[in-house]
Amino acid sequence: MVAVEDPERKARLAGFTGGNAHILAAPLFLVWLVDLKRLRDIARDNGNHGEGLNYLESFSRIPR
């Protein structure tokens, strides 16, 4: 997790999400980082194929 308070950084993050105003208005914006490869490795090590880990519907926009 990363805590972001800097207005310029919050504005850049808001740009990645289509300009969500709540990011700009928040005094503190928390960003959770996810390592999908690590989750897939854990699933594989526990006898699971990790179905569903390739889907990114929970992300509003993936920066390119």
N, C-alpha and C. Protein backbone atom coordinates (compact mmCIF):
# COMPACT_ATOMS: atom_id res chain seq x y z
N MET A 1 0.85 -1.15 0.00
CA MET A 1 0.00 0.00 0.00
C MET A 1 0.90 1.23 0.00
N VAL A 2 0.47 2.23 -0.77
CA VAL A 2 1.21 3.49 -0.86
C VAL A 2 0.25 4.62 -0.49
N ALA A 3 0.68 5.48 0.41
CA ALA A 3 -0.12 6.64 0.81
C ALA A 3 0.33 7.85 -0.02
N VAL A 4 -0.63 8.52 -0.65
CA VAL A 4 -0.33 9.66 -1.51
C VAL A 4 -1.05 10.89 -0.96
N GLU A 5 -0.28 11.92 -0.64
CA GLU A 5 -0.83 13.19 -0.17
C GLU A 5 -0.53 14.34 -1.13
N ASP A 6 0.51 14.21 -1.91
CA ASP A 6 0.94 15.26 -2.82
C ASP A 6 -0.12 15.53 -3.89
N PRO A 7 -0.61 16.78 -4.01
CA PRO A 7 -1.66 17.10 -4.97
C PRO A 7 -1.28 16.77 -6.43
N GLU A 8 -0.03 16.97 -6.81
CA GLU A 8 0.38 16.68 -8.18
C GLU A 8 0.34 15.17 -8.46
N ARG A 9 0.76 14.38 -7.51
CA ARG A 9 0.71 12.92 -7.69
C ARG A 9 -0.73 12.43 -7.70
N LYS A 10 -1.57 13.01 -6.83
CA LYS A 10 -2.98 12.62 -6.84
C LYS A 10 -3.62 12.98 -8.17
N ALA A 11 -3.26 14.13 -8.74
CA ALA A 11 -3.80 14.53 -10.04
C ALA A 11 -3.37 13.55 -11.13
N ARG A 12 -2.14 13.10 -11.07
CA ARG A 12 -1.66 12.11 -12.06
C ARG A 12 -2.42 10.79 -11.91
N LEU A 13 -2.62 10.34 -10.68
CA LEU A 13 -3.38 9.11 -10.45
C LEU A 13 -4.83 9.27 -10.90
N ALA A 14 -5.40 10.43 -10.64
CA ALA A 14 -6.77 10.69 -11.09
C ALA A 14 -6.85 10.61 -12.61
N GLY A 15 -5.82 11.06 -13.30
CA GLY A 15 -5.78 10.98 -14.76
C GLY A 15 -5.82 9.54 -15.26
N PHE A 16 -5.18 8.63 -14.53
CA PHE A 16 -5.20 7.21 -14.91
C PHE A 16 -6.59 6.61 -14.80
N THR A 17 -7.44 7.21 -13.96
CA THR A 17 -8.77 6.65 -13.72
C THR A 17 -9.88 7.44 -14.40
N GLY A 18 -9.52 8.28 -15.33
CA GLY A 18 -10.53 9.06 -16.04
C GLY A 18 -10.91 10.35 -15.33
N GLY A 19 -10.10 10.79 -14.39
CA GLY A 19 -10.34 12.06 -13.72
C GLY A 19 -11.28 12.01 -12.54
N ASN A 20 -11.25 10.94 -11.77
CA ASN A 20 -12.13 10.82 -10.60
C ASN A 20 -11.86 11.94 -9.60
N ALA A 21 -12.88 12.76 -9.37
CA ALA A 21 -12.74 13.93 -8.50
C ALA A 21 -12.46 13.55 -7.05
N HIS A 22 -12.92 12.38 -6.61
CA HIS A 22 -12.71 12.01 -5.20
C HIS A 22 -11.23 11.80 -4.90
N ILE A 23 -10.45 11.43 -5.90
CA ILE A 23 -9.00 11.28 -5.69
C ILE A 23 -8.38 12.64 -5.44
N LEU A 24 -8.81 13.63 -6.21
CA LEU A 24 -8.28 14.98 -6.04
C LEU A 24 -8.71 15.59 -4.71
N ALA A 25 -9.92 15.30 -4.27
CA ALA A 25 -10.46 15.91 -3.06
C ALA A 25 -9.95 15.24 -1.78
N ALA A 26 -9.52 13.99 -1.88
CA ALA A 26 -9.10 13.26 -0.68
C ALA A 26 -7.81 13.85 -0.10
N PRO A 27 -7.77 14.08 1.21
CA PRO A 27 -6.53 14.56 1.81
C PRO A 27 -5.44 13.48 1.78
N LEU A 28 -5.87 12.23 1.78
CA LEU A 28 -4.94 11.10 1.73
C LEU A 28 -5.57 10.05 0.82
N PHE A 29 -4.83 9.64 -0.20
CA PHE A 29 -5.32 8.62 -1.13
C PHE A 29 -4.43 7.40 -1.00
N LEU A 30 -5.05 6.24 -0.74
CA LEU A 30 -4.29 5.00 -0.56
C LEU A 30 -4.35 4.17 -1.83
N VAL A 31 -3.20 3.68 -2.26
CA VAL A 31 -3.09 2.87 -3.47
C VAL A 31 -2.60 1.49 -3.06
N TRP A 32 -3.37 0.47 -3.42
CA TRP A 32 -2.96 -0.90 -3.17
C TRP A 32 -2.31 -1.45 -4.43
N LEU A 33 -1.16 -2.06 -4.27
CA LEU A 33 -0.44 -2.66 -5.39
C LEU A 33 -0.60 -4.17 -5.33
N VAL A 34 -0.85 -4.78 -6.48
CA VAL A 34 -1.11 -6.22 -6.54
C VAL A 34 -0.14 -6.87 -7.49
N ASP A 35 0.46 -7.95 -7.06
CA ASP A 35 1.36 -8.74 -7.89
C ASP A 35 0.61 -10.01 -8.31
N LEU A 36 -0.03 -9.96 -9.50
CA LEU A 36 -0.83 -11.10 -9.94
C LEU A 36 0.03 -12.34 -10.19
N LYS A 37 1.28 -12.18 -10.59
CA LYS A 37 2.15 -13.34 -10.79
C LYS A 37 2.39 -14.06 -9.46
N ARG A 38 2.60 -13.31 -8.41
CA ARG A 38 2.80 -13.92 -7.09
C ARG A 38 1.55 -14.69 -6.67
N LEU A 39 0.37 -14.09 -6.89
CA LEU A 39 -0.86 -14.80 -6.56
C LEU A 39 -1.00 -16.09 -7.36
N ARG A 40 -0.64 -16.03 -8.64
CA ARG A 40 -0.71 -17.23 -9.50
C ARG A 40 0.26 -18.30 -9.00
N ASP A 41 1.46 -17.89 -8.60
CA ASP A 41 2.45 -18.84 -8.08
C ASP A 41 1.95 -19.49 -6.78
N ILE A 42 1.34 -18.70 -5.90
CA ILE A 42 0.81 -19.24 -4.65
C ILE A 42 -0.31 -20.24 -4.95
N ALA A 43 -1.19 -19.88 -5.89
CA ALA A 43 -2.28 -20.78 -6.26
C ALA A 43 -1.72 -22.09 -6.81
N ARG A 44 -0.74 -22.01 -7.71
CA ARG A 44 -0.13 -23.19 -8.30
C ARG A 44 0.52 -24.06 -7.22
N ASP A 45 1.22 -23.44 -6.30
CA ASP A 45 1.90 -24.19 -5.24
C ASP A 45 0.93 -24.90 -4.31
N ASN A 46 -0.33 -24.43 -4.31
CA ASN A 46 -1.36 -25.04 -3.47
C ASN A 46 -2.33 -25.90 -4.27
N GLY A 47 -1.91 -26.32 -5.47
CA GLY A 47 -2.71 -27.24 -6.26
C GLY A 47 -3.87 -26.61 -7.01
N ASN A 48 -3.86 -25.30 -7.16
CA ASN A 48 -4.93 -24.59 -7.87
C ASN A 48 -4.34 -24.03 -9.16
N HIS A 49 -5.16 -23.86 -10.16
CA HIS A 49 -4.65 -23.32 -11.43
C HIS A 49 -4.71 -21.81 -11.47
N GLY A 50 -5.33 -21.19 -10.49
CA GLY A 50 -5.39 -19.73 -10.43
C GLY A 50 -6.33 -19.12 -11.46
N GLU A 51 -7.42 -19.85 -11.79
CA GLU A 51 -8.37 -19.31 -12.75
C GLU A 51 -8.87 -17.95 -12.29
N GLY A 52 -9.05 -17.07 -13.22
CA GLY A 52 -9.59 -15.75 -12.92
C GLY A 52 -8.54 -14.70 -12.63
N LEU A 53 -7.30 -15.09 -12.45
CA LEU A 53 -6.28 -14.09 -12.13
C LEU A 53 -5.88 -13.24 -13.33
N ASN A 54 -6.25 -13.66 -14.54
CA ASN A 54 -5.90 -12.88 -15.72
C ASN A 54 -6.94 -11.80 -16.03
N TYR A 55 -8.03 -11.77 -15.29
CA TYR A 55 -9.08 -10.80 -15.56
C TYR A 55 -8.86 -9.54 -14.74
N LEU A 56 -8.98 -8.40 -15.38
CA LEU A 56 -8.67 -7.13 -14.72
C LEU A 56 -9.91 -6.24 -14.58
N GLU A 57 -11.11 -6.83 -14.48
CA GLU A 57 -12.31 -6.02 -14.38
C GLU A 57 -12.29 -5.09 -13.17
N SER A 58 -11.55 -5.46 -12.14
CA SER A 58 -11.54 -4.62 -10.94
C SER A 58 -10.71 -3.35 -11.13
N PHE A 59 -9.96 -3.26 -12.22
CA PHE A 59 -9.17 -2.07 -12.50
C PHE A 59 -9.96 -1.17 -13.43
N SER A 60 -10.06 0.12 -13.10
CA SER A 60 -10.87 1.03 -13.91
C SER A 60 -10.18 1.36 -15.23
N ARG A 61 -8.86 1.44 -15.25
CA ARG A 61 -8.13 1.73 -16.48
C ARG A 61 -6.68 1.34 -16.26
N ILE A 62 -6.12 0.63 -17.20
CA ILE A 62 -4.73 0.23 -17.11
C ILE A 62 -3.88 1.24 -17.87
N PRO A 63 -2.96 1.95 -17.19
CA PRO A 63 -2.09 2.91 -17.89
C PRO A 63 -1.17 2.19 -18.86
N ARG A 64 -0.94 2.82 -19.98
CA ARG A 64 -0.05 2.21 -21.00
C ARG A 64 1.24 2.96 -21.08
